[in-house]
Protein backbone atom coordinates (compact mmCIF):
# COMPACT_ATOMS: atom_id res chain seq x y z
CA MET A 1 0.11 -0.09 -0.02
CA LYS A 2 2.85 2.41 0.88
CA MET A 3 4.66 1.86 -2.25
CA VAL A 4 1.55 2.25 -4.44
CA ARG A 5 0.64 5.50 -2.66
CA SER A 6 4.26 6.74 -2.91
CA THR A 7 4.32 5.93 -6.79
CA MET A 8 0.96 7.82 -7.31
CA LEU A 9 2.34 11.08 -5.19
CA TRP A 10 5.79 10.96 -7.00
CA THR A 11 3.76 10.86 -10.70
CA ALA A 12 1.46 13.54 -9.62
CA GLY A 13 4.22 15.60 -8.17
CA THR A 14 6.67 15.06 -11.26
CA ALA A 15 3.84 15.90 -13.78
CA PHE A 16 3.02 19.10 -11.68
CA PHE A 17 6.54 20.22 -11.18
CA ALA A 18 7.13 19.88 -15.18
CA PHE A 19 4.32 22.33 -15.86
CA THR A 20 5.72 24.73 -12.97
CA PHE A 21 9.00 24.36 -14.65
CA VAL A 22 7.46 25.23 -17.95
CA ILE A 23 5.64 28.56 -16.42
CA LEU A 24 8.45 29.71 -14.21
CA SER A 25 10.98 29.67 -17.05
CA VAL A 26 8.64 31.42 -19.44
CA GLY A 27 7.90 33.89 -16.56
CA LEU A 28 11.77 34.46 -15.73
CA PHE A 29 12.05 36.28 -19.30
CA MET A 30 8.48 37.75 -19.30
CA LEU A 31 7.61 39.06 -15.66
CA SER A 32 9.23 41.21 -13.22
CA ARG A 33 11.22 39.46 -10.57
CA GLU A 34 8.56 40.13 -7.82
CA ARG A 35 5.70 38.58 -9.99
CA VAL A 36 7.86 35.57 -10.66
CA PHE A 37 8.42 34.77 -6.85
CA ALA A 38 4.72 35.52 -6.11
CA LEU A 39 3.87 32.75 -8.80
CA ALA A 40 6.70 30.32 -7.63
CA ARG A 41 5.38 30.76 -4.28
CA PHE A 42 1.65 29.87 -5.19
CA LEU A 43 2.67 27.15 -7.33
CA PHE A 44 4.85 25.47 -4.82
CA SER A 45 2.11 25.70 -2.54
CA ILE A 46 -0.07 23.62 -4.71
CA GLN A 47 3.00 21.33 -5.27
CA THR A 48 3.43 20.69 -1.70
CA ARG A 49 -0.41 19.87 -1.15
CA LEU A 50 -0.53 17.96 -4.05
CA MET A 51 2.09 15.84 -2.74
CA GLY A 52 0.52 15.18 0.72
CA ILE A 53 2.45 17.96 2.66
CA ARG A 54 0.17 19.52 4.98
CA LEU A 55 2.16 22.77 5.58
CA ASN A 56 1.79 24.86 8.88
CA VAL A 57 3.93 28.06 9.02
CA THR A 58 4.52 30.39 12.21
CA GLY A 59 6.30 33.25 12.92
CA LEU A 60 5.44 35.18 9.66
CA GLU A 61 5.02 38.26 12.17
CA HIS A 62 8.83 38.27 12.26
CA LEU A 63 9.37 38.76 8.63
CA ASP A 64 9.47 42.37 7.12
CA ARG A 65 9.18 42.30 3.50
CA THR A 66 10.84 45.78 3.18
CA LYS A 67 14.07 44.43 4.53
CA THR A 68 16.97 42.48 3.05
CA TYR A 69 17.83 39.19 5.14
CA LEU A 70 20.49 36.51 5.06
CA ILE A 71 18.06 33.58 5.57
CA MET A 72 19.11 30.47 7.39
CA GLY A 73 17.56 27.09 8.29
CA ASN A 74 17.83 23.61 8.44
CA HIS A 75 18.12 20.91 5.63
CA GLN A 76 15.69 18.24 6.09
CA SER A 77 14.96 16.71 2.68
CA LEU A 78 14.93 16.96 -0.97
CA PHE A 79 11.40 18.81 -0.66
CA ASP A 80 12.85 21.91 1.13
CA LEU A 81 13.08 22.88 -2.54
CA PHE A 82 9.20 23.22 -2.56
CA VAL A 83 8.49 24.25 1.11
CA ILE A 84 10.76 26.99 1.68
CA PRO A 85 9.32 29.09 -1.23
CA ALA A 86 5.77 28.12 -0.10
CA ALA A 87 6.35 29.09 3.53
CA LEU A 88 8.48 32.19 3.33
CA PRO A 89 7.06 35.08 1.18
CA GLY A 90 9.06 37.65 -0.37
CA VAL A 91 11.83 38.02 -2.99
CA TYR A 92 15.08 35.99 -2.57
CA THR A 93 17.66 33.92 -4.17
CA ALA A 94 19.72 31.18 -2.89
CA VAL A 95 23.36 29.67 -2.50
CA GLU A 96 23.32 26.07 -4.38
CA ALA A 97 25.78 23.33 -4.59
CA ALA A 98 27.92 24.01 -7.84
CA TYR A 99 26.93 20.51 -9.48
CA HIS A 100 23.21 21.66 -9.36
CA PHE A 101 23.97 24.12 -12.38
CA SER A 102 25.15 21.22 -14.32
CA ILE A 103 21.67 19.32 -13.97
CA PRO A 104 19.81 19.61 -17.38
CA LEU A 105 17.06 22.23 -17.58
CA TRP A 106 17.21 22.54 -13.63
CA GLY A 107 20.73 24.18 -13.78
CA SER A 108 19.63 26.84 -16.33
CA LEU A 109 16.50 27.74 -14.35
CA ILE A 110 18.33 28.26 -11.10
CA ALA A 111 21.10 30.02 -12.93
CA ARG A 112 18.41 32.56 -14.48
CA TRP A 113 16.56 32.76 -10.79
CA GLY A 114 20.14 34.20 -9.83
CA CYS A 115 21.16 31.49 -7.48
CA ILE A 116 24.81 31.37 -6.55
CA PRO A 117 27.17 28.26 -7.15
CA ILE A 118 29.22 27.19 -3.83
CA HIS A 119 32.14 25.07 -4.60
CA ARG A 120 32.51 22.86 -1.91
CA ARG A 121 36.07 21.59 -2.56
CA ASN A 122 37.55 24.54 -4.21
CA LEU A 123 38.62 27.19 -1.51
CA GLU A 124 39.11 30.00 -3.85
CA LYS A 125 35.86 29.57 -5.89
CA ALA A 126 34.08 29.21 -2.64
CA LYS A 127 35.50 32.49 -1.77
CA GLU A 128 34.37 34.02 -4.93
CA SER A 129 30.99 32.76 -4.45
CA LEU A 130 30.60 34.43 -1.06
CA ASP A 131 31.71 37.64 -2.63
CA ILE A 132 28.99 37.45 -5.13
CA ALA A 133 26.59 36.63 -2.24
CA ARG A 134 27.71 39.73 -0.27
CA GLN A 135 27.14 41.87 -3.21
CA ARG A 136 23.67 40.51 -3.93
CA LEU A 137 22.60 41.48 -0.23
CA ARG A 138 24.25 44.89 -0.47
CA GLU A 139 22.01 45.35 -3.69
CA GLY A 140 18.95 44.44 -1.55
CA ILE A 141 18.26 40.92 -2.47
CA SER A 142 17.70 38.57 0.17
CA LEU A 143 19.64 35.28 0.32
CA ILE A 144 18.99 31.74 1.44
CA ILE A 145 21.84 29.38 2.87
CA LEU A 146 21.26 26.10 4.55
CA PRO A 147 24.29 26.09 6.58
CA GLU A 148 24.58 22.52 7.25
CA GLY A 149 25.32 22.15 3.41
CA HIS A 150 23.90 18.57 3.09
CA ARG A 151 20.49 17.08 4.06
CA THR A 152 20.36 15.30 7.54
CA LEU A 153 20.73 11.68 7.33
CA THR A 154 19.23 10.95 10.77
CA GLY A 155 16.46 13.75 11.10
CA ARG A 156 18.40 15.92 13.46
CA MET A 157 20.70 18.71 12.41
CA GLY A 158 24.25 18.31 11.57
CA GLU A 159 27.03 20.61 12.16
CA PHE A 160 27.07 24.09 10.30
CA LYS A 161 29.87 25.15 8.13
CA LYS A 162 31.80 28.09 8.99
CA GLY A 163 31.62 30.00 5.58
CA PRO A 164 28.10 31.30 5.72
CA PHE A 165 29.00 33.16 9.24
CA HIS A 166 32.13 35.08 7.51
CA LEU A 167 29.39 36.19 5.11
CA ALA A 168 26.94 37.15 7.78
CA ARG A 169 29.69 39.28 9.43
CA GLN A 170 30.63 41.09 6.10
CA ALA A 171 27.29 41.59 4.42
CA GLY A 172 25.46 44.23 6.78
CA ALA A 173 22.16 42.18 6.66
CA ASP A 174 19.99 40.73 9.63
CA ILE A 175 19.92 36.95 9.82
CA LEU A 176 16.24 35.73 9.63
CA PRO A 177 16.18 31.99 11.20
CA PHE A 178 13.88 29.40 10.15
CA ALA A 179 13.43 25.49 10.92
CA ILE A 180 11.51 23.04 9.11
CA SER A 181 10.13 20.03 11.06
CA GLY A 182 8.42 16.76 9.84
CA LEU A 183 9.85 16.79 6.32
CA PHE A 184 12.44 14.10 7.22
CA GLU A 185 9.76 12.08 8.09
CA TYR A 186 7.99 12.80 5.05
CA ASN A 187 10.88 11.65 2.78
CA ALA A 188 14.36 10.82 4.27
CA LYS A 189 17.56 11.35 1.82
CA GLY A 190 17.66 8.35 -0.73
CA ALA A 191 14.19 6.96 0.29
CA PHE A 192 11.52 6.36 -2.31
CA HIS A 193 8.49 6.21 0.27
CA LEU A 194 6.50 9.33 0.84
CA ASN A 195 4.55 9.83 3.98
CA PRO A 196 1.76 12.40 3.67
CA LYS A 197 2.02 14.33 7.07
CA PRO A 198 1.95 17.86 8.57
CA VAL A 199 5.23 19.73 8.18
CA GLN A 200 5.77 22.70 10.19
CA VAL A 201 8.05 25.82 9.47
CA ALA A 202 8.95 27.98 12.27
CA ILE A 203 10.53 31.67 11.56
CA GLY A 204 12.15 33.23 14.40
CA PRO A 205 12.93 36.80 15.11
CA PRO A 206 15.78 38.31 13.03
CA ILE A 207 19.10 38.44 14.24
CA PRO A 208 20.46 42.04 14.09
CA PHE A 209 23.42 42.65 12.12
CA SER A 210 25.00 44.55 15.08
CA VAL A 211 24.88 41.26 16.89
CA CYS A 212 26.30 39.39 14.07
CA ALA A 213 29.21 41.90 13.86
CA GLY A 214 30.28 41.59 17.45
CA MET A 215 30.91 37.85 17.49
CA THR A 216 33.69 35.66 15.57
CA PRO A 217 32.49 33.32 12.74
CA GLU A 218 32.40 30.48 15.20
CA GLN A 219 30.67 31.99 17.86
CA LEU A 220 28.10 33.37 15.53
CA ARG A 221 27.91 29.76 14.00
CA ASP A 222 27.10 28.09 17.15
CA TRP A 223 24.68 30.70 18.57
CA VAL A 224 22.71 30.57 15.16
CA ARG A 225 22.67 26.97 15.02
CA GLY A 226 21.17 26.82 18.78
CA VAL A 227 18.57 29.42 17.70
CA ILE A 228 17.42 27.13 14.73
CA ALA A 229 17.71 23.98 16.89
CA ASP A 230 15.35 25.59 19.24
CA LEU A 231 12.69 26.57 16.66
CA ALA A 232 12.99 22.95 15.54
CA GLY A 233 12.40 21.62 18.83
CA GLU A 234 15.71 19.93 18.86
CA CYS A 235 17.14 21.54 22.06
């Protein structure tokens, strides 16, 4: 039964994502950034419901859509891709693993979206990517980074990488923390089965840049991880 249900959800989700991909690809050439992001949020909200994810978002009152944020959260599942845009309103781009840009069609879409490739094994290129990210923030474009770098294998948060917190201290933007809970149980890394269930996204109060600037990258990393762990109920 679980296999049949999962097959049906994957089939429906894949078909709808193909439709979404075409709409957003065309929209990126014809519409303003703001209208494309609003459209993406609408379509990904449908995508999550279609695939059995019952999304509950708390803390939206903490998000000021007139401000620029460095948005940080945990990385639970492949389906973070749909849940994050569905949960967080506004206009933002993301730092993505460099190999994502070589995936046919998908790579061209995220490049057009303005996503920034991060090279995890090439320090010089990684620094270049962080420089681009810093410039985007200074231009007023919010940016999402998932500091774990990889999806969790256990359902609990892994260690955070230090690079994003060098960026946080240099960028001049507040950090907006969020945490996803329940998406690992919906679909763990490498699993085929999908388990329809409620998924929570908790948005915390922004961490002012004045606080970030007064910490070392290591101190800031550990503090932000604690904030996100608390939002995820892992403390």
